[in-house]
C-alpha atoms as a PDB file:
ATOM      1  CA  GLN A   1      36.433  63.930 -51.583  1.00  0.00           C
ATOM      2  CA  VAL A   2      38.090  60.912 -53.203  1.00  0.00           C
ATOM      3  CA  GLN A   3      41.318  60.815 -55.185  1.00  0.00           C
ATOM      4  CA  LEU A   4      42.657  58.002 -57.345  1.00  0.00           C
ATOM      5  CA  VAL A   5      46.210  57.719 -58.679  1.00  0.00           C
ATOM      6  CA  GLU A   6      47.323  55.053 -61.144  1.00  0.00           C
ATOM      7  CA  SER A   7      50.858  53.761 -61.561  1.00  0.00           C
ATOM      8  CA  GLY A   8      52.750  50.917 -63.194  1.00  0.00           C
ATOM      9  CA  GLY A   9      52.292  51.693 -66.866  1.00  0.00           C
ATOM     10  CA  GLY A  10      55.115  51.587 -69.358  1.00  0.00           C
ATOM     11  CA  LEU A  11      56.491  50.054 -72.528  1.00  0.00           C
ATOM     12  CA  VAL A  12      56.501  46.281 -72.897  1.00  0.00           C
ATOM     13  CA  GLN A  13      56.911  43.830 -75.762  1.00  0.00           C
ATOM     14  CA  ALA A  14      54.093  41.566 -76.891  1.00  0.00           C
ATOM     15  CA  GLY A  15      53.755  38.571 -74.604  1.00  0.00           C
ATOM     16  CA  GLY A  16      55.091  40.447 -71.612  1.00  0.00           C
ATOM     17  CA  SER A  17      53.424  41.497 -68.384  1.00  0.00           C
ATOM     18  CA  LEU A  18      52.689  44.626 -66.408  1.00  0.00           C
ATOM     19  CA  ARG A  19      51.058  45.226 -63.045  1.00  0.00           C
ATOM     20  CA  LEU A  20      49.032  48.394 -62.645  1.00  0.00           C
ATOM     21  CA  SER A  21      48.190  49.856 -59.254  1.00  0.00           C
ATOM     22  CA  CYS A  22      45.599  52.367 -58.124  1.00  0.00           C
ATOM     23  CA  ALA A  23      45.867  54.173 -54.800  1.00  0.00           C
ATOM     24  CA  VAL A  24      42.609  55.474 -53.317  1.00  0.00           C
ATOM     25  CA  SER A  25      42.587  58.297 -50.786  1.00  0.00           C
ATOM     26  CA  GLY A  26      40.167  60.799 -49.324  1.00  0.00           C
ATOM     27  CA  ARG A  27      36.826  60.503 -47.593  1.00  0.00           C
ATOM     28  CA  THR A  28      34.846  57.443 -48.568  1.00  0.00           C
ATOM     29  CA  VAL A  29      31.383  57.214 -46.988  1.00  0.00           C
ATOM     30  CA  SER A  30      30.287  53.788 -48.171  1.00  0.00           C
ATOM     31  CA  ARG A  31      31.424  50.555 -49.703  1.00  0.00           C
ATOM     32  CA  TYR A  32      32.394  50.957 -53.337  1.00  0.00           C
ATOM     33  CA  ALA A  33      33.306  48.868 -56.312  1.00  0.00           C
ATOM     34  CA  MET A  34      36.370  49.607 -58.425  1.00  0.00           C
ATOM     35  CA  GLY A  35      36.866  49.375 -62.139  1.00  0.00           C
ATOM     36  CA  TRP A  36      39.533  49.658 -64.802  1.00  0.00           C
ATOM     37  CA  PHE A  37      38.866  51.228 -68.192  1.00  0.00           C
ATOM     38  CA  ARG A  38      41.122  51.989 -71.123  1.00  0.00           C
ATOM     39  CA  GLN A  39      41.151  54.215 -74.169  1.00  0.00           C
ATOM     40  CA  GLY A  40      43.480  53.836 -77.136  1.00  0.00           C
ATOM     41  CA  PRO A  41      44.152  56.362 -79.914  1.00  0.00           C
ATOM     42  CA  GLY A  42      41.028  56.894 -81.997  1.00  0.00           C
ATOM     43  CA  LYS A  43      39.026  54.420 -79.927  1.00  0.00           C
ATOM     44  CA  GLU A  44      36.123  54.608 -77.503  1.00  0.00           C
ATOM     45  CA  ARG A  45      36.669  54.154 -73.803  1.00  0.00           C
ATOM     46  CA  GLU A  46      36.461  50.432 -73.097  1.00  0.00           C
ATOM     47  CA  PHE A  47      35.580  48.474 -69.985  1.00  0.00           C
ATOM     48  CA  VAL A  48      38.455  46.287 -68.822  1.00  0.00           C
ATOM     49  CA  SER A  49      37.605  44.913 -65.389  1.00  0.00           C
ATOM     50  CA  ALA A  50      35.713  45.563 -62.161  1.00  0.00           C
ATOM     51  CA  ILE A  51      35.710  44.207 -58.633  1.00  0.00           C
ATOM     52  CA  SER A  52      33.161  44.421 -55.819  1.00  0.00           C
ATOM     53  CA  TRP A  53      33.941  45.872 -52.399  1.00  0.00           C
ATOM     54  CA  SER A  54      34.575  42.491 -50.806  1.00  0.00           C
ATOM     55  CA  GLY A  55      36.374  41.149 -53.852  1.00  0.00           C
ATOM     56  CA  ASP A  56      33.973  38.231 -54.193  1.00  0.00           C
ATOM     57  CA  ILE A  57      32.649  39.362 -57.576  1.00  0.00           C
ATOM     58  CA  VAL A  58      34.825  40.260 -60.543  1.00  0.00           C
ATOM     59  CA  LYS A  59      34.083  41.053 -64.165  1.00  0.00           C
ATOM     60  CA  TYR A  60      36.265  41.238 -67.260  1.00  0.00           C
ATOM     61  CA  GLY A  61      35.834  42.561 -70.742  1.00  0.00           C
ATOM     62  CA  ASN A  62      35.805  39.867 -73.395  1.00  0.00           C
ATOM     63  CA  SER A  63      39.081  41.034 -74.896  1.00  0.00           C
ATOM     64  CA  VAL A  64      41.047  40.516 -71.665  1.00  0.00           C
ATOM     65  CA  LYS A  65      39.460  37.403 -70.150  1.00  0.00           C
ATOM     66  CA  GLY A  66      42.046  34.821 -69.231  1.00  0.00           C
ATOM     67  CA  ARG A  67      44.900  37.328 -69.444  1.00  0.00           C
ATOM     68  CA  PHE A  68      44.145  40.034 -66.863  1.00  0.00           C
ATOM     69  CA  THR A  69      43.427  39.667 -63.142  1.00  0.00           C
ATOM     70  CA  ILE A  70      41.948  42.341 -60.891  1.00  0.00           C
ATOM     71  CA  SER A  71      42.438  42.406 -57.121  1.00  0.00           C
ATOM     72  CA  ARG A  72      42.082  44.801 -54.205  1.00  0.00           C
ATOM     73  CA  ASP A  73      43.322  45.297 -50.665  1.00  0.00           C
ATOM     74  CA  ASN A  74      40.948  47.546 -48.759  1.00  0.00           C
ATOM     75  CA  ALA A  75      43.264  47.729 -45.743  1.00  0.00           C
ATOM     76  CA  LYS A  76      45.884  49.332 -47.992  1.00  0.00           C
ATOM     77  CA  ASN A  77      43.364  51.238 -50.119  1.00  0.00           C
ATOM     78  CA  THR A  78      44.771  49.808 -53.314  1.00  0.00           C
ATOM     79  CA  VAL A  79      43.502  48.072 -56.429  1.00  0.00           C
ATOM     80  CA  HIS A  80      45.666  46.178 -58.900  1.00  0.00           C
ATOM     81  CA  LEU A  81      45.426  44.923 -62.437  1.00  0.00           C
ATOM     82  CA  GLN A  82      47.832  42.152 -63.370  1.00  0.00           C
ATOM     83  CA  MET A  83      48.183  42.067 -67.154  1.00  0.00           C
ATOM     84  CA  ASN A  84      49.762  39.006 -68.756  1.00  0.00           C
ATOM     85  CA  SER A  85      50.244  37.916 -72.366  1.00  0.00           C
ATOM     86  CA  LEU A  86      49.989  41.498 -73.515  1.00  0.00           C
ATOM     87  CA  LYS A  87      49.102  42.234 -77.122  1.00  0.00           C
ATOM     88  CA  PRO A  88      49.674  45.355 -79.243  1.00  0.00           C
ATOM     89  CA  GLU A  89      45.915  45.971 -79.178  1.00  0.00           C
ATOM     90  CA  ASP A  90      46.162  46.409 -75.396  1.00  0.00           C
ATOM     91  CA  THR A  91      47.991  49.682 -76.005  1.00  0.00           C
ATOM     92  CA  ALA A  92      45.949  52.405 -74.317  1.00  0.00           C
ATOM     93  CA  LYS A  93      45.775  54.786 -71.431  1.00  0.00           C
ATOM     94  CA  TYR A  94      44.401  52.884 -68.449  1.00  0.00           C
ATOM     95  CA  TYR A  95      42.140  54.521 -65.877  1.00  0.00           C
ATOM     96  CA  CYS A  96      40.929  53.306 -62.513  1.00  0.00           C
ATOM     97  CA  ALA A  97      37.560  54.474 -61.228  1.00  0.00           C
ATOM     98  CA  ALA A  98      35.402  54.189 -58.113  1.00  0.00           C
ATOM     99  CA  ASP A  99      31.711  53.230 -58.192  1.00  0.00           C
ATOM    100  CA  PHE A 100      29.614  54.644 -55.341  1.00  0.00           C
ATOM    101  CA  LYS A 101      26.284  54.434 -57.182  1.00  0.00           C
ATOM    102  CA  SER A 102      25.445  50.922 -58.334  1.00  0.00           C
ATOM    103  CA  GLY A 103      25.405  49.284 -54.913  1.00  0.00           C
ATOM    104  CA  GLY A 104      27.123  46.256 -56.381  1.00  0.00           C
ATOM    105  CA  ILE A 105      29.290  46.013 -59.450  1.00  0.00           C
ATOM    106  CA  THR A 106      28.860  47.402 -62.948  1.00  0.00           C
ATOM    107  CA  THR A 107      30.582  47.758 -66.302  1.00  0.00           C
ATOM    108  CA  LEU A 108      28.815  51.043 -67.073  1.00  0.00           C
ATOM    109  CA  THR A 109      30.897  54.220 -67.059  1.00  0.00           C
ATOM    110  CA  ALA A 110      28.040  56.366 -65.739  1.00  0.00           C
ATOM    111  CA  TYR A 111      28.109  54.670 -62.340  1.00  0.00           C
ATOM    112  CA  TYR A 112      31.725  55.579 -61.627  1.00  0.00           C
ATOM    113  CA  SER A 113      31.963  58.866 -59.744  1.00  0.00           C
ATOM    114  CA  TYR A 114      35.733  59.287 -59.427  1.00  0.00           C
ATOM    115  CA  TRP A 115      38.483  58.740 -61.942  1.00  0.00           C
ATOM    116  CA  GLY A 116      42.254  58.790 -61.906  1.00  0.00           C
ATOM    117  CA  GLN A 117      44.377  60.619 -64.460  1.00  0.00           C
ATOM    118  CA  GLY A 118      45.421  57.404 -66.158  1.00  0.00           C
ATOM    119  CA  THR A 119      48.662  55.577 -66.872  1.00  0.00           C
ATOM    120  CA  GLN A 120      49.941  54.782 -70.355  1.00  0.00           C
ATOM    121  CA  VAL A 121      50.518  51.189 -71.442  1.00  0.00           C
ATOM    122  CA  THR A 122      52.274  50.622 -74.751  1.00  0.00           C
ATOM    123  CA  VAL A 123      52.778  47.128 -76.164  1.00  0.00           C
ATOM    124  CA  SER A 124      55.197  46.716 -79.072  1.00  0.00           C
ATOM    125  CA  SER A 125      55.463  43.834 -81.538  1.00  0.00           C
END
């Protein structure tokens, strides 16, 4: 019913920036929040950021506060994650996801019904 496709990942040196994008398509039947998660080698999946339908509420994981910015454009069916001051520990595969369950905004993986295939971000020293 809903498909998500991430793009914008790549290799960048520490201190650099990347902008990830997520294109949403398919049949959406309600307002939905969007989130970004990441998973590095040998690590658990980690919450990165989330944004409400209207964009008036945003959340960030502690490790990315002050460095990452989430945004969305519902008219274009896109969500973005601007990543600045990147660190080697940011290296991970980044996934966007759609939340049709919480009715608001959440950091919990279980509330996200649809996931993209992910885009790799690698930060070198």
